[in-house]
Amino acid sequence: MRWIVPAGTLNCTGPATAVPAPLAALLADGTLTRVVVEPSAVVTDLGENRSWSGDGALIRTALHLSLEHPADWRTSAEQDDGGHSGGDAALYAAARELLDGPSGRYARSHGGTIDLVDVREGIVTVRLGGACDGCPAAWITLQHRLERLLRERCPHLVEVRQTGPGRRVSRLIHRGASGA
């Protein structure tokens, strides 16, 4: 079952390795077999011989109580995200998902690439390659195809920054286009 939660409620994503006591009890007794945290949802898998009609209310209550303790949630993604923690872990996971998915596909369809370089203190740093490096429209792709989607998933995003050789060119064009 996918339980929708406000984006940024939990500062981690991926399969849960630790959850607050109410959900931990349901994992321990076999009511649930797995809990996965997404940027805007928590996914729970029912145990064998369990039903949503019989256990759904219990699971919902446990989830609500567990969401009151966001610091007690841990996921495997926190171990695999290059050492990021807190909100940066969720931001890292969301950025990686978008770059592997729609934002990256868009860049690749034009002969370019967008690589995730770092996520620190709410700032996502990317490097443009191929046709995107130095392209006058690259800032549009970053702001409208990456930053906007990231902000929808992770409201605590500060900004998306570009690093690499083409950075100065696209920033100058951006300033010129905005009239600054």
Protein backbone atom coordinates (compact mmCIF):
# COMPACT_ATOMS: atom_id res chain seq x y z
CA MET A 1 0.00 0.00 0.00
CA ARG A 2 1.36 3.45 -0.89
CA TRP A 3 0.58 5.94 1.87
CA ILE A 4 0.91 9.51 0.60
CA VAL A 5 2.73 11.88 2.97
CA PRO A 6 3.73 15.53 2.50
CA ALA A 7 7.08 15.89 0.69
CA GLY A 8 9.92 16.35 3.15
CA THR A 9 8.10 14.68 6.06
CA LEU A 10 10.89 12.11 6.25
CA ASN A 11 14.47 13.00 5.49
CA CYS A 12 15.41 9.67 3.95
CA THR A 13 14.36 7.47 1.03
CA GLY A 14 14.69 3.81 0.22
CA PRO A 15 13.98 0.53 2.01
CA ALA A 16 13.65 1.18 5.75
CA THR A 17 16.35 -0.34 7.94
CA ALA A 18 14.93 1.22 11.13
CA VAL A 19 11.48 2.61 11.88
CA PRO A 20 9.81 3.93 15.06
CA ALA A 21 8.38 1.39 17.52
CA PRO A 22 4.77 1.25 16.24
CA LEU A 23 5.85 0.15 12.74
CA ALA A 24 8.77 -1.91 14.08
CA ALA A 25 6.27 -4.00 16.07
CA LEU A 26 4.27 -4.74 12.91
CA LEU A 27 7.43 -5.77 11.07
CA ALA A 28 8.47 -7.98 13.99
CA ASP A 29 5.11 -9.80 14.21
CA GLY A 30 4.87 -10.34 10.44
CA THR A 31 1.96 -7.99 9.80
CA LEU A 32 4.31 -6.10 7.47
CA THR A 33 7.22 -7.54 5.51
CA ARG A 34 8.74 -4.33 4.23
CA VAL A 35 8.56 -0.54 4.54
CA VAL A 36 9.98 1.71 1.80
CA VAL A 37 10.24 5.49 2.07
CA GLU A 38 9.71 7.59 -1.07
CA PRO A 39 9.96 11.40 -1.30
CA SER A 40 6.16 11.77 -0.93
CA ALA A 41 5.00 8.37 0.26
CA VAL A 42 5.61 5.41 2.53
CA VAL A 43 5.05 2.00 0.91
CA THR A 44 4.13 -0.95 3.13
CA ASP A 45 3.98 -4.61 2.08
CA LEU A 46 1.61 -6.97 3.90
CA GLY A 47 2.79 -10.20 5.45
CA GLU A 48 1.55 -13.60 4.39
CA ASN A 49 -2.05 -14.39 5.44
CA ARG A 50 -2.71 -10.70 6.21
CA SER A 51 -5.36 -8.50 4.61
CA TRP A 52 -5.88 -4.78 4.23
CA SER A 53 -9.46 -5.15 5.44
CA GLY A 54 -8.27 -6.87 8.62
CA ASP A 55 -5.00 -5.02 9.29
CA GLY A 56 -5.32 -1.71 7.41
CA ALA A 57 -6.56 0.37 10.36
CA LEU A 58 -3.81 -1.00 12.63
CA ILE A 59 -1.15 -0.22 10.01
CA ARG A 60 -2.55 3.28 9.38
CA THR A 61 -2.47 4.07 13.12
CA ALA A 62 1.08 2.72 13.46
CA LEU A 63 2.20 4.77 10.46
CA HIS A 64 0.65 7.98 11.84
CA LEU A 65 2.35 7.45 15.20
CA SER A 66 5.65 6.65 13.49
CA LEU A 67 5.53 9.79 11.33
CA GLU A 68 5.57 11.82 14.55
CA HIS A 69 9.18 10.64 15.05
CA PRO A 70 11.00 11.39 11.75
CA ALA A 71 14.45 11.20 13.38
CA ASP A 72 13.88 7.49 14.16
CA TRP A 73 13.60 6.48 10.48
CA ARG A 74 16.66 5.03 8.70
CA THR A 75 16.96 3.64 5.18
CA SER A 76 19.53 1.70 3.21
CA ALA A 77 19.85 4.71 0.86
CA GLU A 78 21.47 6.68 3.68
CA GLN A 79 24.32 4.18 3.64
CA ASP A 80 24.66 4.35 -0.17
CA ASP A 81 24.30 8.08 -0.79
CA GLY A 82 27.89 9.21 -0.45
CA GLY A 83 27.58 10.16 3.22
CA HIS A 84 24.66 12.58 2.96
CA SER A 85 22.31 12.79 5.92
CA GLY A 86 19.06 14.42 6.90
CA GLY A 87 17.29 16.39 4.17
CA ASP A 88 20.28 15.98 1.88
CA ALA A 89 19.71 12.21 1.74
CA ALA A 90 16.17 12.68 0.43
CA LEU A 91 17.36 15.38 -1.95
CA TYR A 92 20.19 13.17 -3.21
CA ALA A 93 17.79 10.27 -3.85
CA ALA A 94 15.25 12.51 -5.62
CA ALA A 95 17.94 14.15 -7.78
CA ARG A 96 19.38 10.77 -8.74
CA GLU A 97 15.90 9.49 -9.62
CA LEU A 98 15.16 12.52 -11.83
CA LEU A 99 18.53 12.38 -13.56
CA ASP A 100 18.13 8.66 -14.21
CA GLY A 101 14.55 9.37 -15.33
CA PRO A 102 12.77 12.30 -17.00
CA SER A 103 15.33 15.11 -16.64
CA GLY A 104 18.22 12.93 -17.75
CA ARG A 105 16.19 11.45 -20.62
CA TYR A 106 15.41 14.95 -21.87
CA ALA A 107 19.11 15.92 -21.86
CA ARG A 108 20.09 12.64 -23.54
CA SER A 109 17.45 13.16 -26.24
CA HIS A 110 19.38 16.27 -27.27
CA GLY A 111 22.81 14.60 -27.14
CA GLY A 112 23.69 15.86 -23.65
CA THR A 113 24.15 14.60 -20.13
CA ILE A 114 23.50 15.89 -16.63
CA ASP A 115 25.61 14.24 -13.92
CA LEU A 116 24.98 14.56 -10.19
CA VAL A 117 28.16 15.88 -8.58
CA ASP A 118 27.11 16.60 -4.98
CA VAL A 119 24.30 17.44 -2.59
CA ARG A 120 25.19 19.56 0.45
CA GLU A 121 23.06 21.80 2.66
CA GLY A 122 20.13 21.73 0.24
CA ILE A 123 22.25 22.62 -2.81
CA VAL A 124 22.36 20.15 -5.70
CA THR A 125 25.45 20.49 -7.88
CA VAL A 126 25.41 19.01 -11.39
CA ARG A 127 27.79 18.88 -14.34
CA LEU A 128 26.54 19.22 -17.89
CA GLY A 129 28.20 17.22 -20.63
CA GLY A 130 27.85 16.51 -24.32
CA ALA A 131 25.59 18.92 -26.19
CA CYS A 132 24.40 20.46 -22.88
CA ASP A 133 27.86 21.76 -21.96
CA GLY A 134 27.86 25.41 -22.99
CA CYS A 135 24.41 25.25 -24.60
CA PRO A 136 22.52 28.56 -24.31
CA ALA A 137 19.32 26.71 -23.34
CA ALA A 138 20.97 24.56 -20.65
CA TRP A 139 19.87 26.83 -17.81
CA ILE A 140 16.23 26.37 -18.95
CA THR A 141 16.68 22.61 -18.71
CA LEU A 142 18.22 22.92 -15.25
CA GLN A 143 15.61 25.31 -13.88
CA HIS A 144 12.46 24.06 -15.57
CA ARG A 145 13.16 20.36 -16.00
CA LEU A 146 15.26 19.60 -12.92
CA GLU A 147 14.97 22.29 -10.25
CA ARG A 148 11.18 22.61 -10.55
CA LEU A 149 10.65 18.85 -10.27
CA LEU A 150 13.13 18.59 -7.39
CA ARG A 151 11.40 21.41 -5.51
CA GLU A 152 8.04 19.60 -5.88
CA ARG A 153 9.56 16.51 -4.24
CA CYS A 154 11.87 18.25 -1.77
CA PRO A 155 10.63 21.72 -0.76
CA HIS A 156 13.81 22.26 1.30
CA LEU A 157 15.88 22.47 -1.93
CA VAL A 158 17.96 25.66 -1.86
CA GLU A 159 19.08 25.62 -5.49
CA VAL A 160 20.54 23.62 -8.35
CA ARG A 161 24.07 24.71 -9.29
CA GLN A 162 26.08 23.86 -12.33
CA THR A 163 29.78 23.13 -12.23
CA GLY A 164 32.21 22.51 -15.05
CA PRO A 165 33.62 24.26 -18.12
CA GLY A 166 30.34 25.55 -19.59
CA ARG A 167 29.15 27.10 -16.32
CA ARG A 168 30.28 30.64 -17.02
CA VAL A 169 28.79 30.69 -20.52
CA SER A 170 25.33 29.54 -19.44
CA ARG A 171 25.32 31.90 -16.41
CA LEU A 172 26.21 34.87 -18.62
CA ILE A 173 23.45 33.96 -21.07
CA HIS A 174 21.01 33.48 -18.17
CA ARG A 175 21.83 36.93 -16.79
CA GLY A 176 21.49 38.47 -20.22
CA ALA A 177 18.15 36.75 -20.82
CA SER A 178 16.75 37.89 -17.49
CA GLY A 179 17.83 41.47 -17.98
CA ALA A 180 20.20 41.49 -14.98
